[in-house]
Amino acid sequence: MDFFIPLNQYHLEKKLEEFIHFYNHHRTHLALNKDSPVSSPVLIRPSDGSVKLVSTPVLGGLYHIYSYEDVA
């Protein structure tokens, strides 16, 4: 959040909500043995190669959430 400039109070509140969700659901914490406060499944790449790794930007790309999607 050090590189974020809010435009107004509403903008700040929305970005803080987005950051809090990311922090509690996706960001790893060393004190929790690299888990998040709200546990999420560990990504394991299938061995058949039928998926691709997809990056979803959070806070305009300051952070990213990763997931696998099926290749069409």
N, C-alpha and C. Protein backbone atom coordinates (compact mmCIF):
# COMPACT_ATOMS: atom_id res chain seq x y z
N MET A 1 0.82 -1.19 0.00
CA MET A 1 0.00 0.00 0.00
C MET A 1 0.87 1.26 0.00
N ASP A 2 2.19 1.12 0.08
CA ASP A 2 3.07 2.29 0.09
C ASP A 2 3.05 3.02 -1.25
N PHE A 3 2.69 2.33 -2.32
CA PHE A 3 2.73 2.92 -3.65
C PHE A 3 1.35 3.28 -4.18
N PHE A 4 0.41 3.45 -3.30
CA PHE A 4 -0.98 3.70 -3.67
C PHE A 4 -1.36 5.12 -3.27
N ILE A 5 -1.93 5.88 -4.20
CA ILE A 5 -2.38 7.24 -3.91
C ILE A 5 -3.90 7.28 -4.07
N PRO A 6 -4.63 7.41 -2.96
CA PRO A 6 -6.10 7.46 -3.04
C PRO A 6 -6.57 8.78 -3.63
N LEU A 7 -7.63 8.71 -4.42
CA LEU A 7 -8.19 9.91 -5.03
C LEU A 7 -9.18 10.61 -4.12
N ASN A 8 -9.90 9.83 -3.31
CA ASN A 8 -10.85 10.39 -2.35
C ASN A 8 -11.13 9.32 -1.29
N GLN A 9 -11.99 9.64 -0.34
CA GLN A 9 -12.26 8.71 0.77
C GLN A 9 -12.90 7.42 0.28
N TYR A 10 -13.84 7.51 -0.66
CA TYR A 10 -14.49 6.31 -1.19
C TYR A 10 -13.46 5.39 -1.85
N HIS A 11 -12.59 5.98 -2.66
CA HIS A 11 -11.54 5.22 -3.34
C HIS A 11 -10.63 4.52 -2.32
N LEU A 12 -10.24 5.23 -1.28
CA LEU A 12 -9.40 4.66 -0.22
C LEU A 12 -10.11 3.49 0.46
N GLU A 13 -11.38 3.66 0.80
CA GLU A 13 -12.12 2.60 1.49
C GLU A 13 -12.24 1.35 0.62
N LYS A 14 -12.51 1.51 -0.67
CA LYS A 14 -12.64 0.36 -1.57
C LYS A 14 -11.31 -0.37 -1.71
N LYS A 15 -10.22 0.37 -1.84
CA LYS A 15 -8.91 -0.26 -1.99
C LYS A 15 -8.47 -0.93 -0.68
N LEU A 16 -8.82 -0.35 0.46
CA LEU A 16 -8.51 -0.99 1.74
C LEU A 16 -9.29 -2.29 1.90
N GLU A 17 -10.55 -2.30 1.48
CA GLU A 17 -11.35 -3.53 1.52
C GLU A 17 -10.70 -4.61 0.65
N GLU A 18 -10.26 -4.21 -0.54
CA GLU A 18 -9.61 -5.15 -1.46
C GLU A 18 -8.31 -5.69 -0.84
N PHE A 19 -7.52 -4.82 -0.22
CA PHE A 19 -6.27 -5.24 0.40
C PHE A 19 -6.52 -6.16 1.60
N ILE A 20 -7.50 -5.82 2.43
CA ILE A 20 -7.81 -6.65 3.60
C ILE A 20 -8.25 -8.04 3.16
N HIS A 21 -9.07 -8.12 2.12
CA HIS A 21 -9.49 -9.43 1.60
C HIS A 21 -8.27 -10.22 1.11
N PHE A 22 -7.40 -9.57 0.33
CA PHE A 22 -6.19 -10.23 -0.16
C PHE A 22 -5.31 -10.69 1.00
N TYR A 23 -5.12 -9.82 1.98
CA TYR A 23 -4.24 -10.11 3.12
C TYR A 23 -4.74 -11.31 3.93
N ASN A 24 -6.04 -11.40 4.13
CA ASN A 24 -6.60 -12.47 4.96
C ASN A 24 -6.90 -13.76 4.20
N HIS A 25 -7.06 -13.69 2.88
CA HIS A 25 -7.46 -14.89 2.13
C HIS A 25 -6.36 -15.45 1.22
N HIS A 26 -5.38 -14.65 0.83
CA HIS A 26 -4.43 -15.11 -0.17
C HIS A 26 -2.96 -14.94 0.22
N ARG A 27 -2.63 -13.90 0.96
CA ARG A 27 -1.23 -13.63 1.30
C ARG A 27 -0.74 -14.65 2.33
N THR A 28 0.46 -15.19 2.09
CA THR A 28 1.01 -16.15 3.04
C THR A 28 1.63 -15.43 4.23
N HIS A 29 1.57 -16.07 5.39
CA HIS A 29 2.12 -15.52 6.63
C HIS A 29 3.09 -16.53 7.21
N LEU A 30 4.32 -16.11 7.48
CA LEU A 30 5.32 -17.03 8.02
C LEU A 30 4.91 -17.58 9.37
N ALA A 31 4.27 -16.75 10.20
CA ALA A 31 3.85 -17.20 11.53
C ALA A 31 2.79 -18.29 11.46
N LEU A 32 2.11 -18.40 10.33
CA LEU A 32 1.08 -19.43 10.15
C LEU A 32 1.59 -20.56 9.26
N ASN A 33 2.90 -20.74 9.25
CA ASN A 33 3.52 -21.79 8.44
C ASN A 33 3.19 -21.62 6.95
N LYS A 34 3.31 -20.41 6.48
CA LYS A 34 3.06 -20.02 5.08
C LYS A 34 1.62 -20.26 4.64
N ASP A 35 0.69 -20.12 5.55
CA ASP A 35 -0.73 -20.21 5.23
C ASP A 35 -1.33 -18.83 5.42
N SER A 36 -2.56 -18.63 5.00
CA SER A 36 -3.25 -17.37 5.22
C SER A 36 -4.20 -17.54 6.40
N PRO A 37 -4.61 -16.43 7.06
CA PRO A 37 -5.53 -16.54 8.19
C PRO A 37 -6.81 -17.30 7.84
N VAL A 38 -7.33 -17.09 6.64
CA VAL A 38 -8.46 -17.88 6.15
C VAL A 38 -7.84 -18.87 5.16
N SER A 39 -7.73 -20.11 5.56
CA SER A 39 -7.02 -21.11 4.75
C SER A 39 -7.60 -21.22 3.35
N SER A 40 -6.71 -21.39 2.39
CA SER A 40 -7.11 -21.60 1.01
C SER A 40 -6.40 -22.85 0.51
N PRO A 41 -6.92 -23.49 -0.52
CA PRO A 41 -6.30 -24.72 -1.01
C PRO A 41 -4.92 -24.46 -1.61
N VAL A 42 -4.04 -25.42 -1.48
CA VAL A 42 -2.71 -25.34 -2.07
C VAL A 42 -2.81 -25.69 -3.55
N LEU A 43 -2.19 -24.87 -4.40
CA LEU A 43 -2.23 -25.14 -5.83
C LEU A 43 -1.24 -26.25 -6.17
N ILE A 44 -1.73 -27.31 -6.75
CA ILE A 44 -0.88 -28.41 -7.21
C ILE A 44 -1.12 -28.57 -8.70
N ARG A 45 -0.05 -28.44 -9.47
CA ARG A 45 -0.18 -28.53 -10.92
C ARG A 45 -0.46 -29.98 -11.33
N PRO A 46 -1.53 -30.18 -12.10
CA PRO A 46 -1.81 -31.53 -12.60
C PRO A 46 -0.69 -32.01 -13.52
N SER A 47 -0.36 -33.27 -13.46
CA SER A 47 0.76 -33.81 -14.23
C SER A 47 0.47 -33.97 -15.72
N ASP A 48 -0.81 -33.93 -16.10
CA ASP A 48 -1.13 -34.14 -17.52
C ASP A 48 -0.94 -32.89 -18.37
N GLY A 49 -0.65 -31.74 -17.78
CA GLY A 49 -0.39 -30.52 -18.54
C GLY A 49 -1.61 -29.92 -19.20
N SER A 50 -2.80 -30.23 -18.72
CA SER A 50 -4.03 -29.73 -19.34
C SER A 50 -4.49 -28.40 -18.77
N VAL A 51 -3.63 -27.74 -18.00
CA VAL A 51 -4.00 -26.47 -17.39
C VAL A 51 -2.90 -25.44 -17.61
N LYS A 52 -3.25 -24.18 -17.44
CA LYS A 52 -2.25 -23.11 -17.50
C LYS A 52 -2.38 -22.27 -16.23
N LEU A 53 -1.27 -21.71 -15.80
CA LEU A 53 -1.23 -20.86 -14.62
C LEU A 53 -1.70 -19.47 -15.01
N VAL A 54 -2.67 -18.93 -14.27
CA VAL A 54 -3.24 -17.62 -14.57
C VAL A 54 -3.00 -16.69 -13.39
N SER A 55 -2.55 -15.48 -13.70
CA SER A 55 -2.29 -14.47 -12.68
C SER A 55 -3.41 -13.44 -12.70
N THR A 56 -4.01 -13.18 -11.53
CA THR A 56 -5.06 -12.18 -11.41
C THR A 56 -4.52 -11.01 -10.59
N PRO A 57 -4.44 -9.80 -11.18
CA PRO A 57 -3.89 -8.67 -10.44
C PRO A 57 -4.81 -8.20 -9.32
N VAL A 58 -4.19 -7.78 -8.22
CA VAL A 58 -4.90 -7.21 -7.08
C VAL A 58 -4.30 -5.83 -6.85
N LEU A 59 -5.15 -4.86 -6.55
CA LEU A 59 -4.72 -3.48 -6.32
C LEU A 59 -3.92 -2.94 -7.50
N GLY A 60 -4.47 -3.11 -8.68
CA GLY A 60 -3.84 -2.57 -9.88
C GLY A 60 -2.54 -3.24 -10.26
N GLY A 61 -2.31 -4.45 -9.79
CA GLY A 61 -1.10 -5.18 -10.14
C GLY A 61 0.00 -5.13 -9.10
N LEU A 62 -0.24 -4.49 -7.95
CA LEU A 62 0.77 -4.48 -6.89
C LEU A 62 0.97 -5.88 -6.33
N TYR A 63 -0.09 -6.67 -6.32
CA TYR A 63 -0.06 -8.05 -5.86
C TYR A 63 -0.77 -8.90 -6.89
N HIS A 64 -0.58 -10.21 -6.83
CA HIS A 64 -1.24 -11.12 -7.76
C HIS A 64 -1.75 -12.35 -7.02
N ILE A 65 -2.85 -12.90 -7.52
CA ILE A 65 -3.40 -14.16 -7.05
C ILE A 65 -3.25 -15.13 -8.21
N TYR A 66 -2.76 -16.33 -7.93
CA TYR A 66 -2.51 -17.32 -8.97
C TYR A 66 -3.49 -18.48 -8.87
N SER A 67 -3.89 -18.97 -10.03
CA SER A 67 -4.78 -20.13 -10.09
C SER A 67 -4.53 -20.87 -11.40
N TYR A 68 -5.04 -22.08 -11.49
CA TYR A 68 -4.93 -22.87 -12.71
C TYR A 68 -6.27 -22.86 -13.43
N GLU A 69 -6.21 -22.77 -14.76
CA GLU A 69 -7.41 -22.85 -15.60
C GLU A 69 -7.19 -23.92 -16.66
N ASP A 70 -8.27 -24.58 -17.04
CA ASP A 70 -8.19 -25.59 -18.09
C ASP A 70 -7.84 -24.95 -19.42
N VAL A 71 -7.02 -25.63 -20.20
CA VAL A 71 -6.67 -25.17 -21.53
C VAL A 71 -7.76 -25.64 -22.47
N ALA A 72 -8.30 -24.71 -23.26
CA ALA A 72 -9.40 -25.07 -24.16
C ALA A 72 -8.91 -25.71 -25.43
